[in-house]
ModelCIF file with pLDDT and N, C-alpha, C, O atoms, coordinates in Angstrom:
data_MODEL
#
_entry.id   MODEL 
#
_entity.id                         1 
_entity.type                       polymer 
_entity.pdbx_number_of_molecules   1 
#
_entity_poly.entity_id                      1 
_entity_poly.type                           'polypeptide(L)' 
_entity_poly.nstd_linkage                   no 
_entity_poly.nstd_monomer                   no 
_entity_poly.pdbx_seq_one_letter_code       TVSDLKALLKENGLKIKGRKQELVDRIAHFVHQHHSHAAAMGATTA 
_entity_poly.pdbx_seq_one_letter_code_can   TVSDLKALLKENGLKIKGRKQELVDRIAHFVHQHHSHAAAMGATTA 
_entity_poly.pdbx_strand_id                 A 
#
loop_
_entity_poly_seq.entity_id 
_entity_poly_seq.num 
_entity_poly_seq.mon_id 
_entity_poly_seq.hetero 
1 1  THR n 
1 2  VAL n 
1 3  SER n 
1 4  ASP n 
1 5  LEU n 
1 6  LYS n 
1 7  ALA n 
1 8  LEU n 
1 9  LEU n 
1 10 LYS n 
1 11 GLU n 
1 12 ASN n 
1 13 GLY n 
1 14 LEU n 
1 15 LYS n 
1 16 ILE n 
1 17 LYS n 
1 18 GLY n 
1 19 ARG n 
1 20 LYS n 
1 21 GLN n 
1 22 GLU n 
1 23 LEU n 
1 24 VAL n 
1 25 ASP n 
1 26 ARG n 
1 27 ILE n 
1 28 ALA n 
1 29 HIS n 
1 30 PHE n 
1 31 VAL n 
1 32 HIS n 
1 33 GLN n 
1 34 HIS n 
1 35 HIS n 
1 36 SER n 
1 37 HIS n 
1 38 ALA n 
1 39 ALA n 
1 40 ALA n 
1 41 MET n 
1 42 GLY n 
1 43 ALA n 
1 44 THR n 
1 45 THR n 
1 46 ALA n 
#
_struct_asym.id          A 
_struct_asym.entity_id   1 
#
loop_
_ma_qa_metric.id 
_ma_qa_metric.mode 
_ma_qa_metric.name 
_ma_qa_metric.software_group_id 
_ma_qa_metric.type 
1 global pLDDT . pLDDT 
2 local  pLDDT . pLDDT 
#
_ma_qa_metric_global.metric_id      1 
_ma_qa_metric_global.metric_value   81.33 
_ma_qa_metric_global.model_id       1 
_ma_qa_metric_global.ordinal_id     1 
#
loop_
_ma_qa_metric_local.label_asym_id 
_ma_qa_metric_local.label_comp_id 
_ma_qa_metric_local.label_seq_id 
_ma_qa_metric_local.metric_id 
_ma_qa_metric_local.metric_value 
_ma_qa_metric_local.model_id 
_ma_qa_metric_local.ordinal_id 
A THR 1  2 92.00 1 1  
A VAL 2  2 92.00 1 2  
A SER 3  2 92.00 1 3  
A ASP 4  2 92.00 1 4  
A LEU 5  2 91.00 1 5  
A LYS 6  2 92.00 1 6  
A ALA 7  2 92.00 1 7  
A LEU 8  2 90.00 1 8  
A LEU 9  2 90.00 1 9  
A LYS 10 2 92.00 1 10 
A GLU 11 2 91.00 1 11 
A ASN 12 2 89.00 1 12 
A GLY 13 2 91.00 1 13 
A LEU 14 2 91.00 1 14 
A LYS 15 2 92.00 1 15 
A ILE 16 2 89.00 1 16 
A LYS 17 2 92.00 1 17 
A GLY 18 2 92.00 1 18 
A ARG 19 2 94.00 1 19 
A LYS 20 2 93.00 1 20 
A GLN 21 2 94.00 1 21 
A GLU 22 2 94.00 1 22 
A LEU 23 2 93.00 1 23 
A VAL 24 2 92.00 1 24 
A ASP 25 2 93.00 1 25 
A ARG 26 2 92.00 1 26 
A ILE 27 2 89.00 1 27 
A ALA 28 2 90.00 1 28 
A HIS 29 2 90.00 1 29 
A PHE 30 2 87.00 1 30 
A VAL 31 2 84.00 1 31 
A HIS 32 2 84.00 1 32 
A GLN 33 2 82.00 1 33 
A HIS 34 2 70.00 1 34 
A HIS 35 2 68.00 1 35 
A SER 36 2 68.00 1 36 
A HIS 37 2 61.00 1 37 
A ALA 38 2 59.00 1 38 
A ALA 39 2 59.00 1 39 
A ALA 40 2 60.00 1 40 
A MET 41 2 61.00 1 41 
A GLY 42 2 54.00 1 42 
A ALA 43 2 46.00 1 43 
A THR 44 2 50.00 1 44 
A THR 45 2 47.00 1 45 
A ALA 46 2 45.00 1 46 
#
loop_
_atom_site.group_PDB 
_atom_site.id 
_atom_site.type_symbol 
_atom_site.label_atom_id 
_atom_site.label_alt_id 
_atom_site.label_comp_id 
_atom_site.label_asym_id 
_atom_site.label_entity_id 
_atom_site.label_seq_id 
_atom_site.pdbx_PDB_ins_code 
_atom_site.Cartn_x 
_atom_site.Cartn_y 
_atom_site.Cartn_z 
_atom_site.occupancy 
_atom_site.B_iso_or_equiv 
_atom_site.pdbx_formal_charge 
_atom_site.auth_seq_id 
_atom_site.auth_comp_id 
_atom_site.auth_asym_id 
_atom_site.auth_atom_id 
_atom_site.pdbx_PDB_model_num 
ATOM 1   N N  . THR A 1 1  ? -8.942  -3.071 46.098 1.00 92.00 ? 1  THR A N  1 
ATOM 2   C CA . THR A 1 1  ? -10.192 -2.642 46.084 1.00 92.00 ? 1  THR A CA 1 
ATOM 3   C C  . THR A 1 1  ? -10.578 -1.626 45.016 1.00 92.00 ? 1  THR A C  1 
ATOM 4   O O  . THR A 1 1  ? -9.721  -1.221 44.231 1.00 92.00 ? 1  THR A O  1 
ATOM 5   N N  . VAL A 1 2  ? -11.620 -1.276 44.970 1.00 92.00 ? 2  VAL A N  1 
ATOM 6   C CA . VAL A 1 2  ? -12.052 -0.180 43.692 1.00 92.00 ? 2  VAL A CA 1 
ATOM 7   C C  . VAL A 1 2  ? -11.235 1.183  43.549 1.00 92.00 ? 2  VAL A C  1 
ATOM 8   O O  . VAL A 1 2  ? -10.839 1.764  42.539 1.00 92.00 ? 2  VAL A O  1 
ATOM 9   N N  . SER A 1 3  ? -11.112 1.508  44.954 1.00 92.00 ? 3  SER A N  1 
ATOM 10  C CA . SER A 1 3  ? -10.308 2.721  45.201 1.00 92.00 ? 3  SER A CA 1 
ATOM 11  C C  . SER A 1 3  ? -8.804  2.632  44.824 1.00 92.00 ? 3  SER A C  1 
ATOM 12  O O  . SER A 1 3  ? -8.134  3.633  44.573 1.00 92.00 ? 3  SER A O  1 
ATOM 13  N N  . ASP A 1 4  ? -8.269  1.226  44.800 1.00 92.00 ? 4  ASP A N  1 
ATOM 14  C CA . ASP A 1 4  ? -6.727  0.913  44.951 1.00 92.00 ? 4  ASP A CA 1 
ATOM 15  C C  . ASP A 1 4  ? -6.705  0.753  43.284 1.00 92.00 ? 4  ASP A C  1 
ATOM 16  O O  . ASP A 1 4  ? -5.599  0.804  42.746 1.00 92.00 ? 4  ASP A O  1 
ATOM 17  N N  . LEU A 1 5  ? -7.703  0.591  42.582 1.00 91.00 ? 5  LEU A N  1 
ATOM 18  C CA . LEU A 1 5  ? -7.729  0.253  41.350 1.00 91.00 ? 5  LEU A CA 1 
ATOM 19  C C  . LEU A 1 5  ? -7.469  1.466  40.592 1.00 91.00 ? 5  LEU A C  1 
ATOM 20  O O  . LEU A 1 5  ? -6.677  1.492  39.650 1.00 91.00 ? 5  LEU A O  1 
ATOM 21  N N  . LYS A 1 6  ? -8.314  2.747  41.110 1.00 92.00 ? 6  LYS A N  1 
ATOM 22  C CA . LYS A 1 6  ? -8.861  3.598  40.352 1.00 92.00 ? 6  LYS A CA 1 
ATOM 23  C C  . LYS A 1 6  ? -7.408  4.804  40.514 1.00 92.00 ? 6  LYS A C  1 
ATOM 24  O O  . LYS A 1 6  ? -7.012  5.682  39.748 1.00 92.00 ? 6  LYS A O  1 
ATOM 25  N N  . ALA A 1 7  ? -6.963  4.384  41.727 1.00 92.00 ? 7  ALA A N  1 
ATOM 26  C CA . ALA A 1 7  ? -5.747  5.165  41.957 1.00 92.00 ? 7  ALA A CA 1 
ATOM 27  C C  . ALA A 1 7  ? -4.484  4.445  40.896 1.00 92.00 ? 7  ALA A C  1 
ATOM 28  O O  . ALA A 1 7  ? -3.510  5.131  40.584 1.00 92.00 ? 7  ALA A O  1 
ATOM 29  N N  . LEU A 1 8  ? -4.580  3.525  40.578 1.00 90.00 ? 8  LEU A N  1 
ATOM 30  C CA . LEU A 1 8  ? -3.462  2.662  40.013 1.00 90.00 ? 8  LEU A CA 1 
ATOM 31  C C  . LEU A 1 8  ? -3.526  3.056  38.073 1.00 90.00 ? 8  LEU A C  1 
ATOM 32  O O  . LEU A 1 8  ? -2.646  3.012  37.213 1.00 90.00 ? 8  LEU A O  1 
ATOM 33  N N  . LEU A 1 9  ? -4.984  3.416  38.017 1.00 90.00 ? 9  LEU A N  1 
ATOM 34  C CA . LEU A 1 9  ? -5.340  3.967  36.613 1.00 90.00 ? 9  LEU A CA 1 
ATOM 35  C C  . LEU A 1 9  ? -4.899  5.193  36.426 1.00 90.00 ? 9  LEU A C  1 
ATOM 36  O O  . LEU A 1 9  ? -4.282  5.575  35.432 1.00 90.00 ? 9  LEU A O  1 
ATOM 37  N N  . LYS A 1 10 ? -5.328  6.116  37.763 1.00 92.00 ? 10 LYS A N  1 
ATOM 38  C CA . LYS A 1 10 ? -5.194  7.617  37.694 1.00 92.00 ? 10 LYS A CA 1 
ATOM 39  C C  . LYS A 1 10 ? -3.675  7.901  37.496 1.00 92.00 ? 10 LYS A C  1 
ATOM 40  O O  . LYS A 1 10 ? -3.188  8.713  36.709 1.00 92.00 ? 10 LYS A O  1 
ATOM 41  N N  . GLU A 1 11 ? -2.958  6.995  38.446 1.00 91.00 ? 11 GLU A N  1 
ATOM 42  C CA . GLU A 1 11 ? -1.448  7.154  38.408 1.00 91.00 ? 11 GLU A CA 1 
ATOM 43  C C  . GLU A 1 11 ? -0.888  7.062  36.736 1.00 91.00 ? 11 GLU A C  1 
ATOM 44  O O  . GLU A 1 11 ? -0.014  7.803  36.288 1.00 91.00 ? 11 GLU A O  1 
ATOM 45  N N  . ASN A 1 12 ? -1.540  6.072  36.006 1.00 89.00 ? 12 ASN A N  1 
ATOM 46  C CA . ASN A 1 12 ? -0.981  5.820  34.598 1.00 89.00 ? 12 ASN A CA 1 
ATOM 47  C C  . ASN A 1 12 ? -1.750  6.536  33.777 1.00 89.00 ? 12 ASN A C  1 
ATOM 48  O O  . ASN A 1 12 ? -1.495  6.238  32.610 1.00 89.00 ? 12 ASN A O  1 
ATOM 49  N N  . GLY A 1 13 ? -2.821  7.587  33.902 1.00 91.00 ? 13 GLY A N  1 
ATOM 50  C CA . GLY A 1 13 ? -3.315  8.494  33.077 1.00 91.00 ? 13 GLY A CA 1 
ATOM 51  C C  . GLY A 1 13 ? -4.528  7.697  32.430 1.00 91.00 ? 13 GLY A C  1 
ATOM 52  O O  . GLY A 1 13 ? -4.951  8.110  31.350 1.00 91.00 ? 13 GLY A O  1 
ATOM 53  N N  . LEU A 1 14 ? -5.062  6.685  32.962 1.00 91.00 ? 14 LEU A N  1 
ATOM 54  C CA . LEU A 1 14 ? -6.134  6.201  32.153 1.00 91.00 ? 14 LEU A CA 1 
ATOM 55  C C  . LEU A 1 14 ? -7.354  6.303  32.791 1.00 91.00 ? 14 LEU A C  1 
ATOM 56  O O  . LEU A 1 14 ? -7.413  6.751  33.936 1.00 91.00 ? 14 LEU A O  1 
ATOM 57  N N  . LYS A 1 15 ? -8.414  5.912  32.137 1.00 92.00 ? 15 LYS A N  1 
ATOM 58  C CA . LYS A 1 15 ? -10.189 6.665  32.761 1.00 92.00 ? 15 LYS A CA 1 
ATOM 59  C C  . LYS A 1 15 ? -10.271 5.727  33.828 1.00 92.00 ? 15 LYS A C  1 
ATOM 60  O O  . LYS A 1 15 ? -9.782  4.598  33.783 1.00 92.00 ? 15 LYS A O  1 
ATOM 61  N N  . ILE A 1 16 ? -10.887 6.201  34.772 1.00 89.00 ? 16 ILE A N  1 
ATOM 62  C CA . ILE A 1 16 ? -11.103 5.743  36.150 1.00 89.00 ? 16 ILE A CA 1 
ATOM 63  C C  . ILE A 1 16 ? -12.706 5.677  36.445 1.00 89.00 ? 16 ILE A C  1 
ATOM 64  O O  . ILE A 1 16 ? -13.236 5.639  37.556 1.00 89.00 ? 16 ILE A O  1 
ATOM 65  N N  . LYS A 1 17 ? -13.239 5.674  35.377 1.00 92.00 ? 17 LYS A N  1 
ATOM 66  C CA . LYS A 1 17 ? -15.066 4.993  35.648 1.00 92.00 ? 17 LYS A CA 1 
ATOM 67  C C  . LYS A 1 17 ? -15.237 3.873  35.087 1.00 92.00 ? 17 LYS A C  1 
ATOM 68  O O  . LYS A 1 17 ? -14.634 3.500  34.081 1.00 92.00 ? 17 LYS A O  1 
ATOM 69  N N  . GLY A 1 18 ? -16.272 3.100  35.841 1.00 92.00 ? 18 GLY A N  1 
ATOM 70  C CA . GLY A 1 18 ? -16.485 1.939  35.379 1.00 92.00 ? 18 GLY A CA 1 
ATOM 71  C C  . GLY A 1 18 ? -16.795 0.770  36.294 1.00 92.00 ? 18 GLY A C  1 
ATOM 72  O O  . GLY A 1 18 ? -16.512 1.089  37.449 1.00 92.00 ? 18 GLY A O  1 
ATOM 73  N N  . ARG A 1 19 ? -17.203 -0.285 36.223 1.00 94.00 ? 19 ARG A N  1 
ATOM 74  C CA . ARG A 1 19 ? -17.329 -1.124 37.182 1.00 94.00 ? 19 ARG A CA 1 
ATOM 75  C C  . ARG A 1 19 ? -15.902 -1.928 37.602 1.00 94.00 ? 19 ARG A C  1 
ATOM 76  O O  . ARG A 1 19 ? -14.840 -1.746 37.005 1.00 94.00 ? 19 ARG A O  1 
ATOM 77  N N  . LYS A 1 20 ? -16.052 -2.722 38.578 1.00 93.00 ? 20 LYS A N  1 
ATOM 78  C CA . LYS A 1 20 ? -14.711 -3.298 39.151 1.00 93.00 ? 20 LYS A CA 1 
ATOM 79  C C  . LYS A 1 20 ? -13.853 -3.901 37.999 1.00 93.00 ? 20 LYS A C  1 
ATOM 80  O O  . LYS A 1 20 ? -12.666 -3.691 37.746 1.00 93.00 ? 20 LYS A O  1 
ATOM 81  N N  . GLN A 1 21 ? -14.785 -4.735 37.340 1.00 94.00 ? 21 GLN A N  1 
ATOM 82  C CA . GLN A 1 21 ? -14.333 -5.843 36.297 1.00 94.00 ? 21 GLN A CA 1 
ATOM 83  C C  . GLN A 1 21 ? -13.508 -5.040 35.223 1.00 94.00 ? 21 GLN A C  1 
ATOM 84  O O  . GLN A 1 21 ? -12.394 -5.348 34.799 1.00 94.00 ? 21 GLN A O  1 
ATOM 85  N N  . GLU A 1 22 ? -14.375 -3.797 34.813 1.00 94.00 ? 22 GLU A N  1 
ATOM 86  C CA . GLU A 1 22 ? -13.906 -3.139 33.585 1.00 94.00 ? 22 GLU A CA 1 
ATOM 87  C C  . GLU A 1 22 ? -12.501 -2.384 33.960 1.00 94.00 ? 22 GLU A C  1 
ATOM 88  O O  . GLU A 1 22 ? -11.611 -2.189 33.132 1.00 94.00 ? 22 GLU A O  1 
ATOM 89  N N  . LEU A 1 23 ? -12.438 -1.984 35.354 1.00 93.00 ? 23 LEU A N  1 
ATOM 90  C CA . LEU A 1 23 ? -10.949 -1.640 35.785 1.00 93.00 ? 23 LEU A CA 1 
ATOM 91  C C  . LEU A 1 23 ? -10.164 -2.188 35.772 1.00 93.00 ? 23 LEU A C  1 
ATOM 92  O O  . LEU A 1 23 ? -9.010  -1.771 35.674 1.00 93.00 ? 23 LEU A O  1 
ATOM 93  N N  . VAL A 1 24 ? -10.658 -3.800 35.908 1.00 92.00 ? 24 VAL A N  1 
ATOM 94  C CA . VAL A 1 24 ? -9.271  -4.598 36.102 1.00 92.00 ? 24 VAL A CA 1 
ATOM 95  C C  . VAL A 1 24 ? -9.121  -5.093 34.740 1.00 92.00 ? 24 VAL A C  1 
ATOM 96  O O  . VAL A 1 24 ? -7.983  -5.445 34.429 1.00 92.00 ? 24 VAL A O  1 
ATOM 97  N N  . ASP A 1 25 ? -9.887  -5.174 34.014 1.00 93.00 ? 25 ASP A N  1 
ATOM 98  C CA . ASP A 1 25 ? -9.470  -5.231 32.467 1.00 93.00 ? 25 ASP A CA 1 
ATOM 99  C C  . ASP A 1 25 ? -8.793  -3.849 31.783 1.00 93.00 ? 25 ASP A C  1 
ATOM 100 O O  . ASP A 1 25 ? -7.856  -3.855 30.985 1.00 93.00 ? 25 ASP A O  1 
ATOM 101 N N  . ARG A 1 26 ? -9.158  -3.238 32.046 1.00 92.00 ? 26 ARG A N  1 
ATOM 102 C CA . ARG A 1 26 ? -8.246  -1.577 31.690 1.00 92.00 ? 26 ARG A CA 1 
ATOM 103 C C  . ARG A 1 26 ? -6.943  -1.686 32.010 1.00 92.00 ? 26 ARG A C  1 
ATOM 104 O O  . ARG A 1 26 ? -6.004  -1.509 31.233 1.00 92.00 ? 26 ARG A O  1 
ATOM 105 N N  . ILE A 1 27 ? -6.864  -2.037 33.383 1.00 89.00 ? 27 ILE A N  1 
ATOM 106 C CA . ILE A 1 27 ? -5.282  -2.194 34.190 1.00 89.00 ? 27 ILE A CA 1 
ATOM 107 C C  . ILE A 1 27 ? -4.399  -3.406 32.808 1.00 89.00 ? 27 ILE A C  1 
ATOM 108 O O  . ILE A 1 27 ? -3.514  -3.140 31.996 1.00 89.00 ? 27 ILE A O  1 
ATOM 109 N N  . ALA A 1 28 ? -5.129  -4.680 33.071 1.00 90.00 ? 28 ALA A N  1 
ATOM 110 C CA . ALA A 1 28 ? -4.437  -5.890 32.355 1.00 90.00 ? 28 ALA A CA 1 
ATOM 111 C C  . ALA A 1 28 ? -4.321  -5.693 30.878 1.00 90.00 ? 28 ALA A C  1 
ATOM 112 O O  . ALA A 1 28 ? -3.553  -6.351 30.176 1.00 90.00 ? 28 ALA A O  1 
ATOM 113 N N  . HIS A 1 29 ? -5.286  -4.560 30.347 1.00 90.00 ? 29 HIS A N  1 
ATOM 114 C CA . HIS A 1 29 ? -4.975  -4.179 28.963 1.00 90.00 ? 29 HIS A CA 1 
ATOM 115 C C  . HIS A 1 29 ? -3.600  -3.113 28.851 1.00 90.00 ? 29 HIS A C  1 
ATOM 116 O O  . HIS A 1 29 ? -2.738  -3.063 27.974 1.00 90.00 ? 29 HIS A O  1 
ATOM 117 N N  . PHE A 1 30 ? -3.737  -2.422 29.903 1.00 87.00 ? 30 PHE A N  1 
ATOM 118 C CA . PHE A 1 30 ? -2.522  -1.346 29.702 1.00 87.00 ? 30 PHE A CA 1 
ATOM 119 C C  . PHE A 1 30 ? -1.409  -2.171 30.075 1.00 87.00 ? 30 PHE A C  1 
ATOM 120 O O  . PHE A 1 30 ? -0.525  -2.013 29.234 1.00 87.00 ? 30 PHE A O  1 
ATOM 121 N N  . VAL A 1 31 ? -1.000  -3.132 31.134 1.00 84.00 ? 31 VAL A N  1 
ATOM 122 C CA . VAL A 1 31 ? -0.114  -3.883 31.090 1.00 84.00 ? 31 VAL A CA 1 
ATOM 123 C C  . VAL A 1 31 ? 0.477   -4.386 29.980 1.00 84.00 ? 31 VAL A C  1 
ATOM 124 O O  . VAL A 1 31 ? 1.645   -4.129 29.691 1.00 84.00 ? 31 VAL A O  1 
ATOM 125 N N  . HIS A 1 32 ? -0.369  -5.216 29.210 1.00 84.00 ? 32 HIS A N  1 
ATOM 126 C CA . HIS A 1 32 ? -0.028  -5.971 27.916 1.00 84.00 ? 32 HIS A CA 1 
ATOM 127 C C  . HIS A 1 32 ? 0.369   -4.632 27.178 1.00 84.00 ? 32 HIS A C  1 
ATOM 128 O O  . HIS A 1 32 ? 1.590   -4.585 27.026 1.00 84.00 ? 32 HIS A O  1 
ATOM 129 N N  . GLN A 1 33 ? -0.204  -3.676 26.741 1.00 82.00 ? 33 GLN A N  1 
ATOM 130 C CA . GLN A 1 33 ? -0.140  -2.824 25.797 1.00 82.00 ? 33 GLN A CA 1 
ATOM 131 C C  . GLN A 1 33 ? 1.486   -2.196 26.026 1.00 82.00 ? 33 GLN A C  1 
ATOM 132 O O  . GLN A 1 33 ? 2.471   -2.252 25.290 1.00 82.00 ? 33 GLN A O  1 
ATOM 133 N N  . HIS A 1 34 ? 1.280   -1.579 27.393 1.00 70.00 ? 34 HIS A N  1 
ATOM 134 C CA . HIS A 1 34 ? 2.649   -0.970 27.850 1.00 70.00 ? 34 HIS A CA 1 
ATOM 135 C C  . HIS A 1 34 ? 3.842   -1.837 27.571 1.00 70.00 ? 34 HIS A C  1 
ATOM 136 O O  . HIS A 1 34 ? 4.806   -1.410 26.934 1.00 70.00 ? 34 HIS A O  1 
ATOM 137 N N  . HIS A 1 35 ? 3.784   -2.891 27.984 1.00 68.00 ? 35 HIS A N  1 
ATOM 138 C CA . HIS A 1 35 ? 4.789   -3.872 27.833 1.00 68.00 ? 35 HIS A CA 1 
ATOM 139 C C  . HIS A 1 35 ? 5.444   -4.195 26.325 1.00 68.00 ? 35 HIS A C  1 
ATOM 140 O O  . HIS A 1 35 ? 6.663   -4.270 26.168 1.00 68.00 ? 35 HIS A O  1 
ATOM 141 N N  . SER A 1 36 ? 4.373   -4.396 25.113 1.00 68.00 ? 36 SER A N  1 
ATOM 142 C CA . SER A 1 36 ? 4.863   -4.592 24.203 1.00 68.00 ? 36 SER A CA 1 
ATOM 143 C C  . SER A 1 36 ? 5.322   -3.418 23.797 1.00 68.00 ? 36 SER A C  1 
ATOM 144 O O  . SER A 1 36 ? 6.332   -3.444 23.093 1.00 68.00 ? 36 SER A O  1 
ATOM 145 N N  . HIS A 1 37 ? 4.777   -2.244 24.093 1.00 61.00 ? 37 HIS A N  1 
ATOM 146 C CA . HIS A 1 37 ? 5.174   -0.896 23.480 1.00 61.00 ? 37 HIS A CA 1 
ATOM 147 C C  . HIS A 1 37 ? 6.558   -0.900 23.992 1.00 61.00 ? 37 HIS A C  1 
ATOM 148 O O  . HIS A 1 37 ? 7.434   -0.827 23.130 1.00 61.00 ? 37 HIS A O  1 
ATOM 149 N N  . ALA A 1 38 ? 6.882   -0.963 25.071 1.00 59.00 ? 38 ALA A N  1 
ATOM 150 C CA . ALA A 1 38 ? 8.123   -0.676 25.779 1.00 59.00 ? 38 ALA A CA 1 
ATOM 151 C C  . ALA A 1 38 ? 9.173   -1.561 25.133 1.00 59.00 ? 38 ALA A C  1 
ATOM 152 O O  . ALA A 1 38 ? 10.339  -1.230 24.915 1.00 59.00 ? 38 ALA A O  1 
ATOM 153 N N  . ALA A 1 39 ? 8.607   -2.734 24.855 1.00 59.00 ? 39 ALA A N  1 
ATOM 154 C CA . ALA A 1 39 ? 9.924   -3.917 24.033 1.00 59.00 ? 39 ALA A CA 1 
ATOM 155 C C  . ALA A 1 39 ? 10.325  -3.099 22.793 1.00 59.00 ? 39 ALA A C  1 
ATOM 156 O O  . ALA A 1 39 ? 11.504  -2.897 22.501 1.00 59.00 ? 39 ALA A O  1 
ATOM 157 N N  . ALA A 1 40 ? 8.968   -2.500 21.864 1.00 60.00 ? 40 ALA A N  1 
ATOM 158 C CA . ALA A 1 40 ? 9.468   -1.710 20.601 1.00 60.00 ? 40 ALA A CA 1 
ATOM 159 C C  . ALA A 1 40 ? 10.025  -0.376 20.532 1.00 60.00 ? 40 ALA A C  1 
ATOM 160 O O  . ALA A 1 40 ? 10.367  0.156  19.476 1.00 60.00 ? 40 ALA A O  1 
ATOM 161 N N  . MET A 1 41 ? 10.100  0.091  21.540 1.00 61.00 ? 41 MET A N  1 
ATOM 162 C CA . MET A 1 41 ? 10.694  1.382  21.582 1.00 61.00 ? 41 MET A CA 1 
ATOM 163 C C  . MET A 1 41 ? 12.123  1.691  21.869 1.00 61.00 ? 41 MET A C  1 
ATOM 164 O O  . MET A 1 41 ? 12.692  2.782  21.841 1.00 61.00 ? 41 MET A O  1 
ATOM 165 N N  . GLY A 1 42 ? 12.661  0.320  22.195 1.00 54.00 ? 42 GLY A N  1 
ATOM 166 C CA . GLY A 1 42 ? 14.056  0.377  22.788 1.00 54.00 ? 42 GLY A CA 1 
ATOM 167 C C  . GLY A 1 42 ? 14.371  0.561  24.321 1.00 54.00 ? 42 GLY A C  1 
ATOM 168 O O  . GLY A 1 42 ? 13.594  0.377  25.258 1.00 54.00 ? 42 GLY A O  1 
ATOM 169 N N  . ALA A 1 43 ? 15.412  0.881  24.358 1.00 46.00 ? 43 ALA A N  1 
ATOM 170 C CA . ALA A 1 43 ? 15.963  0.974  25.715 1.00 46.00 ? 43 ALA A CA 1 
ATOM 171 C C  . ALA A 1 43 ? 15.795  2.439  26.437 1.00 46.00 ? 43 ALA A C  1 
ATOM 172 O O  . ALA A 1 43 ? 15.722  2.557  27.661 1.00 46.00 ? 43 ALA A O  1 
ATOM 173 N N  . THR A 1 44 ? 15.758  3.206  25.795 1.00 50.00 ? 44 THR A N  1 
ATOM 174 C CA . THR A 1 44 ? 15.382  4.669  26.594 1.00 50.00 ? 44 THR A CA 1 
ATOM 175 C C  . THR A 1 44 ? 14.049  4.342  27.044 1.00 50.00 ? 44 THR A C  1 
ATOM 176 O O  . THR A 1 44 ? 13.898  4.200  28.258 1.00 50.00 ? 44 THR A O  1 
ATOM 177 N N  . THR A 1 45 ? 13.001  4.190  26.235 1.00 47.00 ? 45 THR A N  1 
ATOM 178 C CA . THR A 1 45 ? 11.646  3.991  26.454 1.00 47.00 ? 45 THR A CA 1 
ATOM 179 C C  . THR A 1 45 ? 11.335  3.252  27.440 1.00 47.00 ? 45 THR A C  1 
ATOM 180 O O  . THR A 1 45 ? 10.549  3.496  28.355 1.00 47.00 ? 45 THR A O  1 
ATOM 181 N N  . ALA A 1 46 ? 12.235  1.941  27.168 1.00 45.00 ? 46 ALA A N  1 
ATOM 182 C CA . ALA A 1 46 ? 11.801  0.761  28.098 1.00 45.00 ? 46 ALA A CA 1 
ATOM 183 C C  . ALA A 1 46 ? 12.462  1.115  29.401 1.00 45.00 ? 46 ALA A C  1 
ATOM 184 O O  . ALA A 1 46 ? 12.327  0.382  30.381 1.00 45.00 ? 46 ALA A O  1 
#
């Protein structure tokens, strides 16, 4: 639900306003970006 998506966004420090599709896109972007960043930062950050 939108409230579930907003809770997940808030938990990860992301903007929680917008339409449902924008929230979903923001989460997908975060996961992709976070995964790439974690791989680059090494074992401790990962």
